[in-house]
Amino acid sequence: MPETADVVIAGAGHNSLITTAYLAKAGYECLVLDTRAEPGGGAATEELLLPGYHFDSCSTGHTLIQVNPLLTRDELGLFADYGLAYVEPDPVAHVAFPDGEHFTMWLDVDRTCEELSRFSDADADAYRRMLAEFDEIKDVFGRYRFTPIGYGPSLEDALAQRPGGAKWLRRNAISAWDVIRREFGSRHVRAFMVWMAFQTAQPIDSPGSGLLAYSLIAGRQQRSWTLPLGGSASLPRALVRMLEDHGGRVLTRRTVTGLVLDGGRCVGVETDDGQRYLARRAVLSSIHVKSLVEMAPSDAWDKDFLYGIDTFDPGISAFASYYATSEPPRFTLKGGGSQTAVSAGYAAWPEDVIAFERGLREGRVHLDGAFLLFATPSLADPSRAPGGGHTVKILSMAPFDLREGTHHWETYRHELAGAHLAVLQRLAPNLTEDTILARSAKSPVDIERANPHMWRGTIHGGDRGLANSGPLRPAPGWAHHRMPISGLYQTGATTHPGGSVTGGPGRNAAVVMLDDLGTSLEEVVARTAAPAG
């Protein structure tokens, strides 16, 4: 017999869990299915190598979700009732440049600007000006991110109504590299800004990436690379406890393979073991849209929608390697001494980063480390490793499709991980082979295999340039979370405002679904009724 619930949810990433938590708080019986052993999707913390060494296998920083009303208002009680807690590491970041110079960013903006002044007083002034200008307009972008498409003014209209907003229409349309090379003159400062802007894997020379040169740096300057205590999985774990307290259920190791249709309406899902889970009110998906369209006959979908998904750009694929160590990387400073940082990296010259990202599109593997992010969250959260040990992750990008074929990743995985480690060991010579206790690496193929929602090894749900953002995400005309098949809704990184841990797609989908179900998110949040059970 099929199991039934008011709402069946396919996928347990942080966004779908957020939507589910609001629905559960509203009193709807919710059943969540996920293919992995633990809910959370990309917000996962796992013992990948040794007992007690807890690695964030995908997302680590939760800076962007800090301005989501979910957290600023604690709308679901995740802080007050479910133990979610964050820390803001200082320094914010530390990078090394190709010529041996280094730069450290601090939460104290004056201290950061002192560092910038070592390269250019004018660039330090430009940095302050950029922060101030973004501070005046950031509420417009914030409301746009955390409002479903169609539930508020377009971004263009909102900016046009704000004094000084006209220039932001341009900044939002041009590339991050256009912004950076206009505002800064120092090669080192430009390299640092490029390194920061590229962290969401959006090509820095792509139209529509311009805001990243402002928003990412401003968020980090204010809140650092915000870390959830206990690991990235602390967020989905709090969400699961909340929705279970309100009568919801989460079933893992259930791989959804098809949508159940009745009279053109989606009334449930089917899993790979043949089991059906039927929904009395609605079905919510966070399955990657490229896979979702294969789960129902093509004639069940709108033809224009199918065109939109066919032309949806999956974006740049990721490559990650993990190390359990006995000490953290200590980066040697040019003038003597060393520096540790939760978020560190190798900041190549901008022209090399642009060549790197373009090469990725051509299937080329780069061994030179044009973009490397070194994450050591155990510096700020000792609970992640036992006995003073540390967890180190090296994150970069690599093509999913190799020129020689994807099967060659079995060889290239180790070669590329070794090249990235060599860069880190050159910059932090204390990280010798004796200090590395265990290691592993994931190619884009491995990333997709570990989580099918990371289609082709992309961890941000797809490109977020002009052609794949806002009302065009995931397909033109279908950005409001309602899918062409009646009764089916979509959330997750393939929907507005896109990937990273923002919770935006999750809360936005909740607004739409609750509206369609005859209530509102604000009404649900205002309720003070005791949890079910």
Foldseek 3Di string as FASTA:
>chain_A
DFAEWQEEEEAQALQQLLLLLLVLLVPGAYEYEAQAPDGHFQLAWDPPWDPLFTDSPHDFFQLQQCLACCNVVVLLCLVPPQPWDKDFDPPLEKAAEPVGAIAIHGLPLVVNLVRVVVQPNQLSVLVVVLLVVCVVPVVLVSVQQQAFFPRDDDSVVSLVVDVVSVVVVVLQFFFCLVVLVVRDDGQVVSLVLCLQLCVLQFQRRFTRSRCSSRPRVNSCSNRRRMGIAPGSCSSSVSSQVSSVLSNYYYDYSWAWQAFDDDPLAGFWTATPVGHTYGHSHFYEYAAQPLRHCVRDDVVSADPQVVVLLVPFFLGFFKKKKKFKFLAAFWFAHPVGDTDGDQKYWYRYGPVVSNVVSVVQVVQDDDLQCNHKIKGWCCVVHVSNHPDNITMIMIMDTHHLAHPVGNVCCVVVFVVSVVSSVVVSCVRRVVRDPVGTDTMDIAHLVRCCVNPVSSPSRNQWSGHQHPCQADCCFSHNPQQQQQGSRHRYGYFHQSHGPHGDNNSSRSSSSSQVSCVVVPHGSVVSSPDDDRRDD
